[in-house]
Amino acid sequence: MMRPRHPLIAWLLIIPSLIGVVAFLILPVLLSFAVSLYRWDLIGTREFVGLQNYRDLFSDGVLTNSLMVTAIFTVLAVPVTLMLGLLLATQLVRALPGTSVVRVLVVIPWVCAPLALGVVWKWIYQPSTGALNALLGTRIEWLSTPGLALAAVSFVAIWQNVGYVSLFFQAGLQRIPTSIYEAARLDGAGPLAQLWHMTIPLLRPTTFFLAVTQVVASFQVFDTVYALTGGGPRRSTEVVASLIYNEAFVGFRLGRASAVAVILFILLVVITVLQQRWFAPRITYDMS
């Protein structure tokens, strides 16, 4: 019989990881809470103002606009990404000829640097020399029209993440026993009925993971927006992460930027808890 190891050994083994978590995750969050209570321009002395930064953010409407833009971006990008990723996964899991090549091609945008992809798509969206307008044979100001800019940015985000999402859905589909589909076909269930009544419910654990991670990522998106529009035109694409950058490194208002970061942190915690409460009673993990 093996003797139980002393728990001190386990703690010693995880200390390196704990140091990284504390230094790069927990400590920055605590510092953000502290700095949000000060007025500081990164150079001069700090002035304690309490909750004044929070009051200013809600009174001038800048934070409200950014939260609304981010919410619209999330609604546009996340559901479409999940649906397209699932549809793509249902085809890739069939292992048709050329599936391996397609799988690699759809994942390439996700592994590329978002800033580099943003530069490429900014050229594609160019009104005069862009490839998209040349293909359509017309001139459309994709990134300088307030009503189109956010949709254009959302399309790039969908294109970038759909391959990543499809890989997780493929893994989930491969865990579903084939006997379930065989029984459904014997009962007369067609492909659409199998997808709606069997595949989607059995993929809820995967869907929960992807929904949480994609929503969190969409609320933190910055690189793509910065490369394409920089938050314009007229703040129509100024997501929360762009507002944090502009407050901290353009306006040199570190206290306000930290306050926005704190609000974003609290908002993401609330959204994640709500998602967990909604999915928890609907998730099936045992597929035996």
Protein backbone atom coordinates (compact mmCIF):
# COMPACT_ATOMS: atom_id res chain seq x y z
CA MET A 1 0.00 0.00 0.00
CA MET A 2 1.34 3.40 -0.94
CA ARG A 3 1.74 5.85 1.92
CA PRO A 4 -0.01 9.21 1.42
CA ARG A 5 2.38 11.97 0.51
CA HIS A 6 2.72 15.00 2.71
CA PRO A 7 0.60 17.94 1.40
CA LEU A 8 3.65 20.19 1.76
CA ILE A 9 5.13 18.55 -1.35
CA ALA A 10 2.05 19.50 -3.38
CA TRP A 11 2.24 23.09 -2.18
CA LEU A 12 5.93 23.28 -3.06
CA LEU A 13 5.15 22.05 -6.58
CA ILE A 14 2.46 24.67 -7.22
CA ILE A 15 4.33 27.62 -5.67
CA PRO A 16 5.84 28.74 -9.04
CA SER A 17 2.37 28.88 -10.59
CA LEU A 18 0.94 30.62 -7.53
CA ILE A 19 3.62 33.30 -7.76
CA GLY A 20 2.61 34.00 -11.36
CA VAL A 21 -1.10 34.08 -10.50
CA VAL A 22 -0.56 36.47 -7.58
CA ALA A 23 1.90 38.74 -9.43
CA PHE A 24 0.09 38.99 -12.76
CA LEU A 25 -3.59 38.42 -11.90
CA ILE A 26 -4.53 39.05 -8.27
CA LEU A 27 -2.14 41.93 -7.54
CA PRO A 28 -3.10 44.00 -10.64
CA VAL A 29 -6.79 43.64 -9.74
CA LEU A 30 -6.16 44.88 -6.19
CA LEU A 31 -4.01 47.75 -7.48
CA SER A 32 -6.77 48.75 -9.90
CA PHE A 33 -9.24 48.98 -7.01
CA ALA A 34 -6.77 51.15 -5.07
CA VAL A 35 -5.76 53.46 -7.96
CA SER A 36 -9.42 54.02 -8.93
CA LEU A 37 -9.82 56.04 -5.71
CA TYR A 38 -7.17 58.58 -6.77
CA ARG A 39 -6.77 61.32 -9.37
CA TRP A 40 -3.39 60.64 -11.01
CA ASP A 41 -1.82 61.61 -14.33
CA LEU A 42 1.03 59.04 -14.14
CA ILE A 43 3.59 61.79 -13.48
CA GLY A 44 2.44 64.12 -10.72
CA THR A 45 1.36 63.35 -7.19
CA ARG A 46 -1.76 61.33 -6.52
CA GLU A 47 -4.81 62.99 -5.00
CA PHE A 48 -7.32 60.89 -3.09
CA VAL A 49 -10.84 61.55 -4.44
CA GLY A 50 -12.75 58.51 -3.17
CA LEU A 51 -15.58 57.50 -5.50
CA GLN A 52 -15.44 60.71 -7.54
CA ASN A 53 -13.95 58.91 -10.56
CA TYR A 54 -16.92 56.55 -10.63
CA ARG A 55 -19.41 59.41 -10.35
CA ASP A 56 -17.68 61.30 -13.16
CA LEU A 57 -17.72 58.28 -15.46
CA PHE A 58 -21.45 57.76 -15.08
CA SER A 59 -22.32 61.46 -15.23
CA ASP A 60 -20.49 62.37 -18.46
CA GLY A 61 -21.97 59.46 -20.46
CA VAL A 62 -18.65 58.17 -21.79
CA LEU A 63 -18.78 54.92 -19.83
CA THR A 64 -22.44 54.36 -20.69
CA ASN A 65 -21.63 54.71 -24.39
CA SER A 66 -18.72 52.27 -24.16
CA LEU A 67 -20.80 49.71 -22.26
CA MET A 68 -23.55 50.00 -24.87
CA VAL A 69 -21.08 49.63 -27.75
CA THR A 70 -19.49 46.61 -26.08
CA ALA A 71 -22.88 45.01 -25.43
CA ILE A 72 -23.93 45.48 -29.07
CA PHE A 73 -20.59 44.07 -30.23
CA THR A 74 -21.10 41.04 -27.98
CA VAL A 75 -24.64 40.47 -29.24
CA LEU A 76 -23.47 40.74 -32.84
CA ALA A 77 -20.35 38.60 -32.55
CA VAL A 78 -20.83 35.88 -29.93
CA PRO A 79 -24.12 34.21 -31.02
CA VAL A 80 -23.10 34.22 -34.70
CA THR A 81 -19.67 32.82 -33.84
CA LEU A 82 -21.20 29.99 -31.80
CA MET A 83 -23.78 29.12 -34.48
CA LEU A 84 -21.29 29.16 -37.35
CA GLY A 85 -18.75 27.25 -35.26
CA LEU A 86 -21.32 24.53 -34.52
CA LEU A 87 -22.40 24.24 -38.16
CA LEU A 88 -18.78 24.08 -39.27
CA ALA A 89 -18.01 21.44 -36.64
CA THR A 90 -20.90 19.22 -37.77
CA GLN A 91 -19.33 19.13 -41.23
CA LEU A 92 -15.70 18.76 -40.15
CA VAL A 93 -16.49 15.90 -37.77
CA ARG A 94 -17.71 13.83 -40.74
CA ALA A 95 -14.08 13.48 -41.89
CA LEU A 96 -14.80 14.14 -45.54
CA PRO A 97 -11.91 14.40 -48.03
CA GLY A 98 -9.97 17.60 -47.41
CA THR A 99 -11.26 18.01 -43.84
CA SER A 100 -7.77 18.25 -42.38
CA VAL A 101 -6.84 21.08 -44.74
CA VAL A 102 -10.07 22.97 -43.99
CA ARG A 103 -9.52 22.51 -40.25
CA VAL A 104 -6.09 24.10 -40.49
CA LEU A 105 -7.34 26.97 -42.67
CA VAL A 106 -10.18 27.95 -40.34
CA VAL A 107 -7.89 27.96 -37.29
CA ILE A 108 -5.16 30.12 -38.86
CA PRO A 109 -7.02 33.44 -38.20
CA TRP A 110 -7.32 32.58 -34.51
CA VAL A 111 -3.60 31.87 -34.04
CA CYS A 112 -2.55 35.04 -35.88
CA ALA A 113 -1.94 38.29 -34.04
CA PRO A 114 -5.20 40.31 -33.82
CA LEU A 115 -3.34 43.57 -34.45
CA ALA A 116 -1.82 42.22 -37.68
CA LEU A 117 -5.20 40.90 -38.81
CA GLY A 118 -6.72 44.29 -38.05
CA VAL A 119 -4.19 46.00 -40.31
CA VAL A 120 -4.97 43.55 -43.12
CA TRP A 121 -8.72 44.00 -42.75
CA LYS A 122 -8.34 47.78 -42.61
CA TRP A 123 -6.81 47.55 -46.08
CA ILE A 124 -9.65 45.26 -47.21
CA TYR A 125 -12.20 47.80 -45.94
CA GLN A 126 -10.47 50.77 -47.61
CA PRO A 127 -13.13 52.74 -49.55
CA SER A 128 -10.94 53.53 -52.57
CA THR A 129 -8.39 50.74 -52.93
CA GLY A 130 -9.87 48.05 -50.67
CA ALA A 131 -10.50 44.53 -51.93
CA LEU A 132 -14.08 44.41 -50.61
CA ASN A 133 -15.30 47.49 -52.47
CA ALA A 134 -13.42 46.34 -55.59
CA LEU A 135 -15.29 43.03 -55.36
CA LEU A 136 -18.64 44.74 -54.84
CA GLY A 137 -17.97 47.35 -57.53
CA THR A 138 -19.05 50.24 -55.31
CA ARG A 139 -17.66 52.64 -52.74
CA ILE A 140 -18.74 52.11 -49.14
CA GLU A 141 -17.15 53.84 -46.15
CA TRP A 142 -17.09 50.74 -43.96
CA LEU A 143 -14.96 52.10 -41.12
CA SER A 144 -15.81 55.80 -41.20
CA THR A 145 -19.61 55.44 -41.17
CA PRO A 146 -20.95 55.19 -37.60
CA GLY A 147 -23.74 52.84 -38.62
CA LEU A 148 -21.40 50.40 -40.37
CA ALA A 149 -18.16 50.52 -38.39
CA LEU A 150 -19.24 48.32 -35.48
CA ALA A 151 -20.77 45.73 -37.81
CA ALA A 152 -17.53 45.66 -39.83
CA VAL A 153 -15.47 45.15 -36.67
CA SER A 154 -17.86 42.42 -35.49
CA PHE A 155 -17.49 40.59 -38.81
CA VAL A 156 -13.71 40.48 -38.39
CA ALA A 157 -14.10 39.13 -34.84
CA ILE A 158 -16.48 36.42 -36.07
CA TRP A 159 -14.14 35.45 -38.90
CA GLN A 160 -11.21 35.27 -36.48
CA ASN A 161 -12.89 33.13 -33.79
CA VAL A 162 -15.19 30.77 -35.67
CA GLY A 163 -12.40 28.24 -36.31
CA TYR A 164 -11.42 28.19 -32.63
CA VAL A 165 -15.04 27.61 -31.62
CA SER A 166 -15.49 24.84 -34.20
CA LEU A 167 -12.56 22.88 -32.73
CA PHE A 168 -14.22 22.72 -29.31
CA PHE A 169 -17.54 21.75 -30.83
CA GLN A 170 -15.79 19.00 -32.79
CA ALA A 171 -14.36 17.64 -29.55
CA GLY A 172 -17.83 17.74 -27.99
CA LEU A 173 -19.42 16.02 -30.97
CA GLN A 174 -16.89 13.21 -30.84
CA ARG A 175 -17.90 12.50 -27.22
CA ILE A 176 -21.53 11.85 -28.15
CA PRO A 177 -22.10 8.07 -28.57
CA THR A 178 -23.08 7.09 -32.11
CA SER A 179 -25.67 4.70 -30.68
CA ILE A 180 -27.82 7.71 -29.73
CA TYR A 181 -28.02 8.82 -33.36
CA GLU A 182 -28.64 5.28 -34.55
CA ALA A 183 -31.61 4.99 -32.18
CA ALA A 184 -32.91 8.37 -33.33
CA ARG A 185 -32.72 7.35 -37.00
CA LEU A 186 -34.63 4.16 -36.20
CA ASP A 187 -37.33 6.32 -34.61
CA GLY A 188 -37.55 8.39 -37.80
CA ALA A 189 -35.70 11.51 -36.65
CA GLY A 190 -34.22 13.52 -39.53
CA PRO A 191 -30.95 15.49 -39.50
CA LEU A 192 -32.57 18.72 -38.28
CA ALA A 193 -34.47 16.93 -35.51
CA GLN A 194 -31.27 15.18 -34.39
CA LEU A 195 -29.42 18.50 -34.36
CA TRP A 196 -32.08 20.36 -32.37
CA HIS A 197 -33.24 17.66 -29.94
CA MET A 198 -30.04 15.69 -29.43
CA THR A 199 -26.83 17.39 -30.56
CA ILE A 200 -27.46 20.84 -29.11
CA PRO A 201 -28.67 19.60 -25.68
CA LEU A 202 -25.75 17.16 -25.37
CA LEU A 203 -23.30 19.91 -26.32
CA ARG A 204 -24.39 22.20 -23.48
CA PRO A 205 -21.19 21.69 -21.43
CA THR A 206 -19.13 22.76 -24.45
CA THR A 207 -21.55 25.58 -25.24
CA PHE A 208 -21.35 26.83 -21.65
CA PHE A 209 -17.56 26.96 -21.76
CA LEU A 210 -17.51 28.69 -25.14
CA ALA A 211 -20.28 31.14 -24.21
CA VAL A 212 -18.46 32.25 -21.05
CA THR A 213 -15.04 32.56 -22.68
CA GLN A 214 -16.37 34.29 -25.79
CA VAL A 215 -18.43 36.81 -23.80
CA VAL A 216 -15.43 37.59 -21.57
CA ALA A 217 -13.20 37.94 -24.64
CA SER A 218 -15.71 40.20 -26.40
CA PHE A 219 -15.88 42.53 -23.39
CA GLN A 220 -12.08 42.71 -23.39
CA VAL A 221 -11.54 43.10 -27.15
CA PHE A 222 -9.04 45.82 -27.97
CA ASP A 223 -6.44 44.90 -30.61
CA THR A 224 -8.88 44.48 -33.49
CA VAL A 225 -10.79 47.66 -32.67
CA TYR A 226 -7.58 49.64 -32.19
CA ALA A 227 -6.20 48.52 -35.56
CA LEU A 228 -9.42 49.05 -37.50
CA THR A 229 -11.02 52.19 -36.07
CA GLY A 230 -9.25 53.25 -32.88
CA GLY A 231 -12.70 53.65 -31.30
CA GLY A 232 -14.17 55.94 -33.95
CA PRO A 233 -15.97 57.29 -35.81
CA ARG A 234 -17.62 59.45 -33.14
CA ARG A 235 -17.03 56.77 -30.46
CA SER A 236 -19.26 54.31 -32.35
CA THR A 237 -16.70 51.52 -31.83
CA GLU A 238 -15.19 52.65 -28.52
CA VAL A 239 -15.50 49.44 -26.53
CA VAL A 240 -14.67 49.35 -22.83
CA ALA A 241 -11.06 48.27 -23.39
CA SER A 242 -10.57 51.17 -25.80
CA LEU A 243 -11.99 53.55 -23.20
CA ILE A 244 -9.51 52.23 -20.61
CA TYR A 245 -6.64 52.80 -23.05
CA ASN A 246 -7.80 56.29 -23.98
CA GLU A 247 -8.33 57.33 -20.37
CA ALA A 248 -4.95 55.99 -19.21
CA PHE A 249 -2.56 56.68 -22.09
CA VAL A 250 -4.27 59.41 -24.13
CA GLY A 251 -5.95 61.50 -21.44
CA PHE A 252 -3.46 60.49 -18.71
CA ARG A 253 -6.28 59.88 -16.23
CA LEU A 254 -5.12 56.68 -14.58
CA GLY A 255 -7.69 56.88 -11.79
CA ARG A 256 -10.61 57.01 -14.24
CA ALA A 257 -9.06 54.22 -16.32
CA SER A 258 -8.73 52.04 -13.21
CA ALA A 259 -12.33 52.79 -12.29
CA VAL A 260 -13.47 51.60 -15.72
CA ALA A 261 -11.39 48.44 -15.28
CA VAL A 262 -12.98 47.78 -11.88
CA ILE A 263 -16.47 48.23 -13.32
CA LEU A 264 -15.61 45.88 -16.18
CA PHE A 265 -14.29 43.29 -13.71
CA ILE A 266 -17.47 43.41 -11.61
CA LEU A 267 -19.65 43.28 -14.72
CA LEU A 268 -17.86 40.21 -16.08
CA VAL A 269 -18.18 38.43 -12.74
CA VAL A 270 -21.92 39.11 -12.70
CA ILE A 271 -22.37 37.97 -16.31
CA THR A 272 -20.37 34.78 -15.71
CA VAL A 273 -22.40 33.92 -12.59
CA LEU A 274 -25.67 34.50 -14.46
CA GLN A 275 -24.50 32.27 -17.32
CA GLN A 276 -23.48 29.57 -14.85
CA ARG A 277 -26.85 29.71 -13.10
CA TRP A 278 -28.70 29.47 -16.42
CA PHE A 279 -26.64 26.58 -17.80
CA ALA A 280 -26.17 24.56 -14.57
CA PRO A 281 -29.61 22.87 -14.46
CA ARG A 282 -29.56 22.30 -18.23
CA ILE A 283 -26.15 20.63 -18.57
CA THR A 284 -25.71 16.87 -19.03
CA TYR A 285 -22.21 15.54 -18.47
CA ASP A 286 -22.91 11.81 -18.38
CA MET A 287 -23.32 10.43 -21.91
CA SER A 288 -22.89 6.78 -21.07
